[in-house]
Amino acid sequence: ADFISIGTNDLTQYVMAADRNNSKVSGLASYRQPAVLNFIEQIIQKAKKKGVPVSMCGEMAGDSTMTQSLLDFGLCSFSMSVAGIPEFKLQLEDSGV
């Protein structure tokens, strides 16, 4: 692959086998679940070893409480709504990036 783009909304739903639009199981469809975080970290690390750039879109990419973890995983490209950019920039400054 020339690049990898992680869409966190669908990925989370598939990893957790829980439809985020189904009120009976939507609570399970959280990208904060260890299984989802572990999978994302593995994707990023394996891609880095192959020299393949990884980008991320979806709610997680714009969640400032997840920025540092994603940076620690090695993610360098985030796609988010305009409203999330100011907080994202603050997180980058705080992390020294």
PDB file of N, CA and C in Angstrom:
ATOM      1  N   ALA A   1       0.843  -1.182   0.000  1.00  0.00           N
ATOM      2  CA  ALA A   1       0.000   0.000   0.000  1.00  0.00           C
ATOM      3  C   ALA A   1       0.882   1.236   0.000  1.00  0.00           C
ATOM      4  N   ASP A   2       0.409   2.283  -0.641  1.00  0.00           N
ATOM      5  CA  ASP A   2       1.134   3.551  -0.656  1.00  0.00           C
ATOM      6  C   ASP A   2       0.865   4.366   0.597  1.00  0.00           C
ATOM      7  N   PHE A   3      -0.301   4.166   1.201  1.00  0.00           N
ATOM      8  CA  PHE A   3      -0.660   4.865   2.431  1.00  0.00           C
ATOM      9  C   PHE A   3      -1.789   4.090   3.113  1.00  0.00           C
ATOM     10  N   ILE A   4      -1.999   4.403   4.381  1.00  0.00           N
ATOM     11  CA  ILE A   4      -3.100   3.803   5.145  1.00  0.00           C
ATOM     12  C   ILE A   4      -3.876   4.934   5.798  1.00  0.00           C
ATOM     13  N   SER A   5      -5.177   4.865   5.714  1.00  0.00           N
ATOM     14  CA  SER A   5      -6.045   5.828   6.381  1.00  0.00           C
ATOM     15  C   SER A   5      -6.962   5.056   7.325  1.00  0.00           C
ATOM     16  N   ILE A   6      -6.871   5.363   8.587  1.00  0.00           N
ATOM     17  CA  ILE A   6      -7.688   4.698   9.600  1.00  0.00           C
ATOM     18  C   ILE A   6      -8.944   5.519   9.832  1.00  0.00           C
ATOM     19  N   GLY A   7     -10.086   4.950   9.541  1.00  0.00           N
ATOM     20  CA  GLY A   7     -11.376   5.577   9.843  1.00  0.00           C
ATOM     21  C   GLY A   7     -11.864   5.019  11.167  1.00  0.00           C
ATOM     22  N   THR A   8     -11.715   5.794  12.217  1.00  0.00           N
ATOM     23  CA  THR A   8     -11.940   5.265  13.567  1.00  0.00           C
ATOM     24  C   THR A   8     -13.388   4.924  13.881  1.00  0.00           C
ATOM     25  N   ASN A   9     -14.332   5.611  13.271  1.00  0.00           N
ATOM     26  CA  ASN A   9     -15.730   5.307  13.594  1.00  0.00           C
ATOM     27  C   ASN A   9     -16.092   3.898  13.152  1.00  0.00           C
ATOM     28  N   ASP A  10     -15.817   3.581  11.901  1.00  0.00           N
ATOM     29  CA  ASP A  10     -16.128   2.233  11.407  1.00  0.00           C
ATOM     30  C   ASP A  10     -15.219   1.185  12.032  1.00  0.00           C
ATOM     31  N   LEU A  11     -13.925   1.494  12.156  1.00  0.00           N
ATOM     32  CA  LEU A  11     -12.995   0.531  12.746  1.00  0.00           C
ATOM     33  C   LEU A  11     -13.448   0.122  14.149  1.00  0.00           C
ATOM     34  N   THR A  12     -13.823   1.098  14.945  1.00  0.00           N
ATOM     35  CA  THR A  12     -14.275   0.817  16.310  1.00  0.00           C
ATOM     36  C   THR A  12     -15.506  -0.086  16.296  1.00  0.00           C
ATOM     37  N   GLN A  13     -16.424   0.239  15.441  1.00  0.00           N
ATOM     38  CA  GLN A  13     -17.653  -0.543  15.338  1.00  0.00           C
ATOM     39  C   GLN A  13     -17.348  -1.993  14.960  1.00  0.00           C
ATOM     40  N   TYR A  14     -16.409  -2.196  14.037  1.00  0.00           N
ATOM     41  CA  TYR A  14     -16.073  -3.552  13.598  1.00  0.00           C
ATOM     42  C   TYR A  14     -15.281  -4.318  14.655  1.00  0.00           C
ATOM     43  N   VAL A  15     -14.301  -3.655  15.269  1.00  0.00           N
ATOM     44  CA  VAL A  15     -13.485  -4.330  16.294  1.00  0.00           C
ATOM     45  C   VAL A  15     -14.343  -4.740  17.480  1.00  0.00           C
ATOM     46  N   MET A  16     -15.249  -3.864  17.877  1.00  0.00           N
ATOM     47  CA  MET A  16     -16.062  -4.137  19.052  1.00  0.00           C
ATOM     48  C   MET A  16     -17.340  -4.913  18.724  1.00  0.00           C
ATOM     49  N   ALA A  17     -17.569  -5.164  17.431  1.00  0.00           N
ATOM     50  CA  ALA A  17     -18.787  -5.874  16.985  1.00  0.00           C
ATOM     51  C   ALA A  17     -20.033  -5.254  17.620  1.00  0.00           C
ATOM     52  N   ALA A  18     -20.079  -3.927  17.575  1.00  0.00           N
ATOM     53  CA  ALA A  18     -21.180  -3.195  18.198  1.00  0.00           C
ATOM     54  C   ALA A  18     -21.562  -2.008  17.323  1.00  0.00           C
ATOM     55  N   ASP A  19     -22.775  -1.997  16.856  1.00  0.00           N
ATOM     56  CA  ASP A  19     -23.289  -0.919  16.019  1.00  0.00           C
ATOM     57  C   ASP A  19     -23.495   0.333  16.868  1.00  0.00           C
ATOM     58  N   ARG A  20     -22.791   1.394  16.522  1.00  0.00           N
ATOM     59  CA  ARG A  20     -22.892   2.626  17.326  1.00  0.00           C
ATOM     60  C   ARG A  20     -24.262   3.278  17.221  1.00  0.00           C
ATOM     61  N   ASN A  21     -25.071   2.855  16.257  1.00  0.00           N
ATOM     62  CA  ASN A  21     -26.429   3.396  16.101  1.00  0.00           C
ATOM     63  C   ASN A  21     -27.497   2.525  16.767  1.00  0.00           C
ATOM     64  N   ASN A  22     -27.086   1.448  17.411  1.00  0.00           N
ATOM     65  CA  ASN A  22     -28.012   0.555  18.098  1.00  0.00           C
ATOM     66  C   ASN A  22     -27.896   0.832  19.597  1.00  0.00           C
ATOM     67  N   SER A  23     -28.931   1.391  20.178  1.00  0.00           N
ATOM     68  CA  SER A  23     -28.871   1.800  21.589  1.00  0.00           C
ATOM     69  C   SER A  23     -28.580   0.647  22.548  1.00  0.00           C
ATOM     70  N   LYS A  24     -28.865  -0.583  22.146  1.00  0.00           N
ATOM     71  CA  LYS A  24     -28.601  -1.732  23.026  1.00  0.00           C
ATOM     72  C   LYS A  24     -27.112  -2.048  23.171  1.00  0.00           C
ATOM     73  N   VAL A  25     -26.316  -1.700  22.160  1.00  0.00           N
ATOM     74  CA  VAL A  25     -24.886  -2.037  22.205  1.00  0.00           C
ATOM     75  C   VAL A  25     -23.971  -0.848  21.925  1.00  0.00           C
ATOM     76  N   SER A  26     -24.529   0.319  21.666  1.00  0.00           N
ATOM     77  CA  SER A  26     -23.708   1.469  21.278  1.00  0.00           C
ATOM     78  C   SER A  26     -22.675   1.851  22.334  1.00  0.00           C
ATOM     79  N   GLY A  27     -22.945   1.555  23.588  1.00  0.00           N
ATOM     80  CA  GLY A  27     -21.976   1.843  24.656  1.00  0.00           C
ATOM     81  C   GLY A  27     -20.686   1.061  24.518  1.00  0.00           C
ATOM     82  N   LEU A  28     -20.736  -0.043  23.804  1.00  0.00           N
ATOM     83  CA  LEU A  28     -19.535  -0.857  23.577  1.00  0.00           C
ATOM     84  C   LEU A  28     -18.665  -0.302  22.453  1.00  0.00           C
ATOM     85  N   ALA A  29     -19.244   0.530  21.603  1.00  0.00           N
ATOM     86  CA  ALA A  29     -18.537   1.052  20.429  1.00  0.00           C
ATOM     87  C   ALA A  29     -17.742   2.304  20.796  1.00  0.00           C
ATOM     88  N   SER A  30     -16.734   2.119  21.637  1.00  0.00           N
ATOM     89  CA  SER A  30     -15.900   3.224  22.091  1.00  0.00           C
ATOM     90  C   SER A  30     -14.461   3.009  21.632  1.00  0.00           C
ATOM     91  N   TYR A  31     -13.891   4.037  21.005  1.00  0.00           N
ATOM     92  CA  TYR A  31     -12.498   3.922  20.574  1.00  0.00           C
ATOM     93  C   TYR A  31     -11.525   3.951  21.750  1.00  0.00           C
ATOM     94  N   ARG A  32     -12.012   4.145  22.934  1.00  0.00           N
ATOM     95  CA  ARG A  32     -11.157   4.082  24.126  1.00  0.00           C
ATOM     96  C   ARG A  32     -10.966   2.646  24.641  1.00  0.00           C
ATOM     97  N   GLN A  33     -11.678   1.707  24.058  1.00  0.00           N
ATOM     98  CA  GLN A  33     -11.543   0.305  24.463  1.00  0.00           C
ATOM     99  C   GLN A  33     -10.116  -0.179  24.169  1.00  0.00           C
ATOM    100  N   PRO A  34      -9.505  -0.916  25.088  1.00  0.00           N
ATOM    101  CA  PRO A  34      -8.140  -1.406  24.869  1.00  0.00           C
ATOM    102  C   PRO A  34      -7.953  -2.172  23.560  1.00  0.00           C
ATOM    103  N   ALA A  35      -8.933  -2.943  23.151  1.00  0.00           N
ATOM    104  CA  ALA A  35      -8.803  -3.704  21.901  1.00  0.00           C
ATOM    105  C   ALA A  35      -8.659  -2.766  20.703  1.00  0.00           C
ATOM    106  N   VAL A  36      -9.401  -1.676  20.697  1.00  0.00           N
ATOM    107  CA  VAL A  36      -9.343  -0.717  19.598  1.00  0.00           C
ATOM    108  C   VAL A  36      -8.006   0.018  19.626  1.00  0.00           C
ATOM    109  N   LEU A  37      -7.611   0.480  20.799  1.00  0.00           N
ATOM    110  CA  LEU A  37      -6.340   1.200  20.926  1.00  0.00           C
ATOM    111  C   LEU A  37      -5.164   0.320  20.524  1.00  0.00           C
ATOM    112  N   ASN A  38      -5.179  -0.926  20.956  1.00  0.00           N
ATOM    113  CA  ASN A  38      -4.113  -1.862  20.627  1.00  0.00           C
ATOM    114  C   ASN A  38      -4.046  -2.078  19.117  1.00  0.00           C
ATOM    115  N   PHE A  39      -5.195  -2.259  18.488  1.00  0.00           N
ATOM    116  CA  PHE A  39      -5.243  -2.482  17.057  1.00  0.00           C
ATOM    117  C   PHE A  39      -4.698  -1.271  16.298  1.00  0.00           C
ATOM    118  N   ILE A  40      -5.095  -0.081  16.700  1.00  0.00           N
ATOM    119  CA  ILE A  40      -4.619   1.140  16.048  1.00  0.00           C
ATOM    120  C   ILE A  40      -3.110   1.268  16.213  1.00  0.00           C
ATOM    121  N   GLU A  41      -2.614   1.010  17.398  1.00  0.00           N
ATOM    122  CA  GLU A  41      -1.169   1.085  17.629  1.00  0.00           C
ATOM    123  C   GLU A  41      -0.427   0.087  16.743  1.00  0.00           C
ATOM    124  N   GLN A  42      -0.948  -1.129  16.627  1.00  0.00           N
ATOM    125  CA  GLN A  42      -0.313  -2.136  15.773  1.00  0.00           C
ATOM    126  C   GLN A  42      -0.293  -1.700  14.309  1.00  0.00           C
ATOM    127  N   ILE A  43      -1.392  -1.151  13.836  1.00  0.00           N
ATOM    128  CA  ILE A  43      -1.456  -0.673  12.446  1.00  0.00           C
ATOM    129  C   ILE A  43      -0.361   0.371  12.206  1.00  0.00           C
ATOM    130  N   ILE A  44      -0.274   1.341  13.098  1.00  0.00           N
ATOM    131  CA  ILE A  44       0.685   2.430  12.935  1.00  0.00           C
ATOM    132  C   ILE A  44       2.113   1.898  12.990  1.00  0.00           C
ATOM    133  N   GLN A  45       2.417   1.053  13.955  1.00  0.00           N
ATOM    134  CA  GLN A  45       3.776   0.532  14.098  1.00  0.00           C
ATOM    135  C   GLN A  45       4.193  -0.327  12.903  1.00  0.00           C
ATOM    136  N   LYS A  46       3.303  -1.180  12.432  1.00  0.00           N
ATOM    137  CA  LYS A  46       3.635  -2.033  11.280  1.00  0.00           C
ATOM    138  C   LYS A  46       3.796  -1.212  10.010  1.00  0.00           C
ATOM    139  N   ALA A  47       2.977  -0.203   9.858  1.00  0.00           N
ATOM    140  CA  ALA A  47       3.104   0.672   8.690  1.00  0.00           C
ATOM    141  C   ALA A  47       4.422   1.441   8.734  1.00  0.00           C
ATOM    142  N   LYS A  48       4.792   1.921   9.921  1.00  0.00           N
ATOM    143  CA  LYS A  48       6.055   2.656  10.067  1.00  0.00           C
ATOM    144  C   LYS A  48       7.238   1.781   9.664  1.00  0.00           C
ATOM    145  N   LYS A  49       7.217   0.516  10.059  1.00  0.00           N
ATOM    146  CA  LYS A  49       8.310  -0.407   9.711  1.00  0.00           C
ATOM    147  C   LYS A  49       8.445  -0.565   8.202  1.00  0.00           C
ATOM    148  N   LYS A  50       7.345  -0.432   7.491  1.00  0.00           N
ATOM    149  CA  LYS A  50       7.342  -0.574   6.027  1.00  0.00           C
ATOM    150  C   LYS A  50       7.483   0.774   5.313  1.00  0.00           C
ATOM    151  N   GLY A  51       7.558   1.854   6.092  1.00  0.00           N
ATOM    152  CA  GLY A  51       7.673   3.180   5.499  1.00  0.00           C
ATOM    153  C   GLY A  51       6.397   3.677   4.852  1.00  0.00           C
ATOM    154  N   VAL A  52       5.266   3.184   5.343  1.00  0.00           N
ATOM    155  CA  VAL A  52       3.967   3.562   4.791  1.00  0.00           C
ATOM    156  C   VAL A  52       3.329   4.606   5.714  1.00  0.00           C
ATOM    157  N   PRO A  53       2.988   5.780   5.183  1.00  0.00           N
ATOM    158  CA  PRO A  53       2.366   6.808   6.029  1.00  0.00           C
ATOM    159  C   PRO A  53       0.941   6.422   6.441  1.00  0.00           C
ATOM    160  N   VAL A  54       0.585   6.818   7.657  1.00  0.00           N
ATOM    161  CA  VAL A  54      -0.745   6.522   8.202  1.00  0.00           C
ATOM    162  C   VAL A  54      -1.421   7.833   8.579  1.00  0.00           C
ATOM    163  N   SER A  55      -2.659   7.972   8.160  1.00  0.00           N
ATOM    164  CA  SER A  55      -3.470   9.118   8.569  1.00  0.00           C
ATOM    165  C   SER A  55      -4.703   8.592   9.293  1.00  0.00           C
ATOM    166  N   MET A  56      -5.377   9.479  10.002  1.00  0.00           N
ATOM    167  CA  MET A  56      -6.564   9.079  10.756  1.00  0.00           C
ATOM    168  C   MET A  56      -7.663  10.109  10.577  1.00  0.00           C
ATOM    169  N   CYS A  57      -8.879   9.595  10.391  1.00  0.00           N
ATOM    170  CA  CYS A  57     -10.059  10.444  10.381  1.00  0.00           C
ATOM    171  C   CYS A  57     -11.087   9.810  11.310  1.00  0.00           C
ATOM    172  N   GLY A  58     -12.125  10.537  11.605  1.00  0.00           N
ATOM    173  CA  GLY A  58     -13.146  10.040  12.516  1.00  0.00           C
ATOM    174  C   GLY A  58     -13.102  10.798  13.821  1.00  0.00           C
ATOM    175  N   GLU A  59     -14.021  10.472  14.692  1.00  0.00           N
ATOM    176  CA  GLU A  59     -14.137  11.195  15.962  1.00  0.00           C
ATOM    177  C   GLU A  59     -12.851  11.159  16.780  1.00  0.00           C
ATOM    178  N   MET A  60     -12.175  10.043  16.766  1.00  0.00           N
ATOM    179  CA  MET A  60     -10.965   9.908  17.577  1.00  0.00           C
ATOM    180  C   MET A  60      -9.887  10.899  17.150  1.00  0.00           C
ATOM    181  N   ALA A  61      -9.754  11.134  15.862  1.00  0.00           N
ATOM    182  CA  ALA A  61      -8.724  12.050  15.359  1.00  0.00           C
ATOM    183  C   ALA A  61      -8.909  13.456  15.913  1.00  0.00           C
ATOM    184  N   GLY A  62     -10.152  13.854  16.146  1.00  0.00           N
ATOM    185  CA  GLY A  62     -10.432  15.185  16.658  1.00  0.00           C
ATOM    186  C   GLY A  62     -10.653  15.258  18.155  1.00  0.00           C
ATOM    187  N   ASP A  63     -10.439  14.149  18.849  1.00  0.00           N
ATOM    188  CA  ASP A  63     -10.637  14.105  20.308  1.00  0.00           C
ATOM    189  C   ASP A  63      -9.331  14.486  20.998  1.00  0.00           C
ATOM    190  N   SER A  64      -9.281  15.686  21.533  1.00  0.00           N
ATOM    191  CA  SER A  64      -8.042  16.188  22.139  1.00  0.00           C
ATOM    192  C   SER A  64      -7.565  15.352  23.320  1.00  0.00           C
ATOM    193  N   THR A  65      -8.461  14.587  23.934  1.00  0.00           N
ATOM    194  CA  THR A  65      -8.022  13.733  25.047  1.00  0.00           C
ATOM    195  C   THR A  65      -7.254  12.507  24.534  1.00  0.00           C
ATOM    196  N   MET A  66      -7.314  12.265  23.224  1.00  0.00           N
ATOM    197  CA  MET A  66      -6.609  11.117  22.633  1.00  0.00           C
ATOM    198  C   MET A  66      -5.349  11.534  21.879  1.00  0.00           C
ATOM    199  N   THR A  67      -5.147  12.828  21.691  1.00  0.00           N
ATOM    200  CA  THR A  67      -4.032  13.314  20.869  1.00  0.00           C
ATOM    201  C   THR A  67      -2.697  12.755  21.329  1.00  0.00           C
ATOM    202  N   GLN A  68      -2.394  12.850  22.610  1.00  0.00           N
ATOM    203  CA  GLN A  68      -1.079  12.409  23.092  1.00  0.00           C
ATOM    204  C   GLN A  68      -0.871  10.911  22.872  1.00  0.00           C
ATOM    205  N   SER A  69      -1.897  10.115  23.132  1.00  0.00           N
ATOM    206  CA  SER A  69      -1.766   8.667  22.897  1.00  0.00           C
ATOM    207  C   SER A  69      -1.482   8.379  21.431  1.00  0.00           C
ATOM    208  N   LEU A  70      -2.189   9.063  20.548  1.00  0.00           N
ATOM    209  CA  LEU A  70      -1.992   8.842  19.113  1.00  0.00           C
ATOM    210  C   LEU A  70      -0.600   9.291  18.672  1.00  0.00           C
ATOM    211  N   LEU A  71      -0.124  10.390  19.214  1.00  0.00           N
ATOM    212  CA  LEU A  71       1.246  10.820  18.926  1.00  0.00           C
ATOM    213  C   LEU A  71       2.242   9.792  19.434  1.00  0.00           C
ATOM    214  N   ASP A  72       1.995   9.266  20.625  1.00  0.00           N
ATOM    215  CA  ASP A  72       2.876   8.234  21.191  1.00  0.00           C
ATOM    216  C   ASP A  72       2.895   6.977  20.327  1.00  0.00           C
ATOM    217  N   PHE A  73       1.768   6.670  19.706  1.00  0.00           N
ATOM    218  CA  PHE A  73       1.695   5.517  18.800  1.00  0.00           C
ATOM    219  C   PHE A  73       2.496   5.773  17.525  1.00  0.00           C
ATOM    220  N   GLY A  74       2.732   7.048  17.201  1.00  0.00           N
ATOM    221  CA  GLY A  74       3.467   7.403  15.994  1.00  0.00           C
ATOM    222  C   GLY A  74       2.623   7.998  14.890  1.00  0.00           C
ATOM    223  N   LEU A  75       1.367   8.314  15.178  1.00  0.00           N
ATOM    224  CA  LEU A  75       0.504   8.911  14.168  1.00  0.00           C
ATOM    225  C   LEU A  75       0.952  10.342  13.890  1.00  0.00           C
ATOM    226  N   CYS A  76       1.032  10.692  12.621  1.00  0.00           N
ATOM    227  CA  CYS A  76       1.497  12.032  12.233  1.00  0.00           C
ATOM    228  C   CYS A  76       0.476  12.832  11.447  1.00  0.00           C
ATOM    229  N   SER A  77      -0.593  12.202  10.995  1.00  0.00           N
ATOM    230  CA  SER A  77      -1.565  12.899  10.155  1.00  0.00           C
ATOM    231  C   SER A  77      -2.968  12.706  10.715  1.00  0.00           C
ATOM    232  N   PHE A  78      -3.602  13.811  11.097  1.00  0.00           N
ATOM    233  CA  PHE A  78      -4.922  13.800  11.706  1.00  0.00           C
ATOM    234  C   PHE A  78      -5.899  14.568  10.819  1.00  0.00           C
ATOM    235  N   SER A  79      -7.079  14.034  10.602  1.00  0.00           N
ATOM    236  CA  SER A  79      -8.125  14.725   9.850  1.00  0.00           C
ATOM    237  C   SER A  79      -9.300  14.950  10.796  1.00  0.00           C
ATOM    238  N   MET A  80      -9.684  16.220  10.968  1.00  0.00           N
ATOM    239  CA  MET A  80     -10.740  16.545  11.933  1.00  0.00           C
ATOM    240  C   MET A  80     -11.546  17.734  11.447  1.00  0.00           C
ATOM    241  N   SER A  81     -12.639  17.976  12.121  1.00  0.00           N
ATOM    242  CA  SER A  81     -13.447  19.143  11.785  1.00  0.00           C
ATOM    243  C   SER A  81     -12.689  20.412  12.194  1.00  0.00           C
ATOM    244  N   VAL A  82     -13.031  21.500  11.567  1.00  0.00           N
ATOM    245  CA  VAL A  82     -12.379  22.786  11.838  1.00  0.00           C
ATOM    246  C   VAL A  82     -12.495  23.147  13.318  1.00  0.00           C
ATOM    247  N   ALA A  83     -13.615  22.825  13.927  1.00  0.00           N
ATOM    248  CA  ALA A  83     -13.837  23.183  15.334  1.00  0.00           C
ATOM    249  C   ALA A  83     -12.818  22.539  16.274  1.00  0.00           C
ATOM    250  N   GLY A  84     -12.251  21.407  15.896  1.00  0.00           N
ATOM    251  CA  GLY A  84     -11.301  20.710  16.760  1.00  0.00           C
ATOM    252  C   GLY A  84      -9.871  21.198  16.648  1.00  0.00           C
ATOM    253  N   ILE A  85      -9.576  22.002  15.655  1.00  0.00           N
ATOM    254  CA  ILE A  85      -8.194  22.401  15.396  1.00  0.00           C
ATOM    255  C   ILE A  85      -7.559  23.220  16.523  1.00  0.00           C
ATOM    256  N   PRO A  86      -8.229  24.242  17.089  1.00  0.00           N
ATOM    257  CA  PRO A  86      -7.571  25.014  18.159  1.00  0.00           C
ATOM    258  C   PRO A  86      -7.125  24.156  19.345  1.00  0.00           C
ATOM    259  N   GLU A  87      -7.982  23.270  19.819  1.00  0.00           N
ATOM    260  CA  GLU A  87      -7.609  22.409  20.948  1.00  0.00           C
ATOM    261  C   GLU A  87      -6.502  21.445  20.543  1.00  0.00           C
ATOM    262  N   PHE A  88      -6.565  20.947  19.318  1.00  0.00           N
ATOM    263  CA  PHE A  88      -5.527  20.056  18.801  1.00  0.00           C
ATOM    264  C   PHE A  88      -4.167  20.763  18.816  1.00  0.00           C
ATOM    265  N   LYS A  89      -4.141  22.009  18.373  1.00  0.00           N
ATOM    266  CA  LYS A  89      -2.891  22.772  18.360  1.00  0.00           C
ATOM    267  C   LYS A  89      -2.338  22.954  19.774  1.00  0.00           C
ATOM    268  N   LEU A  90      -3.230  23.205  20.729  1.00  0.00           N
ATOM    269  CA  LEU A  90      -2.782  23.320  22.121  1.00  0.00           C
ATOM    270  C   LEU A  90      -2.159  22.013  22.612  1.00  0.00           C
ATOM    271  N   GLN A  91      -2.776  20.907  22.239  1.00  0.00           N
ATOM    272  CA  GLN A  91      -2.241  19.592  22.638  1.00  0.00           C
ATOM    273  C   GLN A  91      -0.855  19.381  22.018  1.00  0.00           C
ATOM    274  N   LEU A  92      -0.679  19.776  20.777  1.00  0.00           N
ATOM    275  CA  LEU A  92       0.624  19.643  20.120  1.00  0.00           C
ATOM    276  C   LEU A  92       1.675  20.487  20.826  1.00  0.00           C
ATOM    277  N   GLU A  93       1.311  21.705  21.180  1.00  0.00           N
ATOM    278  CA  GLU A  93       2.246  22.581  21.893  1.00  0.00           C
ATOM    279  C   GLU A  93       2.621  21.983  23.240  1.00  0.00           C
ATOM    280  N   ASP A  94       1.635  21.457  23.957  1.00  0.00           N
ATOM    281  CA  ASP A  94       1.888  20.855  25.269  1.00  0.00           C
ATOM    282  C   ASP A  94       2.781  19.624  25.165  1.00  0.00           C
ATOM    283  N   SER A  95       2.690  18.909  24.043  1.00  0.00           N
ATOM    284  CA  SER A  95       3.476  17.678  23.882  1.00  0.00           C
ATOM    285  C   SER A  95       4.878  17.980  23.337  1.00  0.00           C
ATOM    286  N   GLY A  96       5.115  19.238  22.945  1.00  0.00           N
ATOM    287  CA  GLY A  96       6.426  19.606  22.432  1.00  0.00           C
ATOM    288  C   GLY A  96       6.630  19.290  20.964  1.00  0.00           C
ATOM    289  N   VAL A  97       5.547  19.010  20.260  1.00  0.00           N
ATOM    290  CA  VAL A  97       5.649  18.695  18.822  1.00  0.00           C
ATOM    291  C   VAL A  97       5.643  19.965  18.025  1.00  0.00           C
TER     292      VAL A  97
END
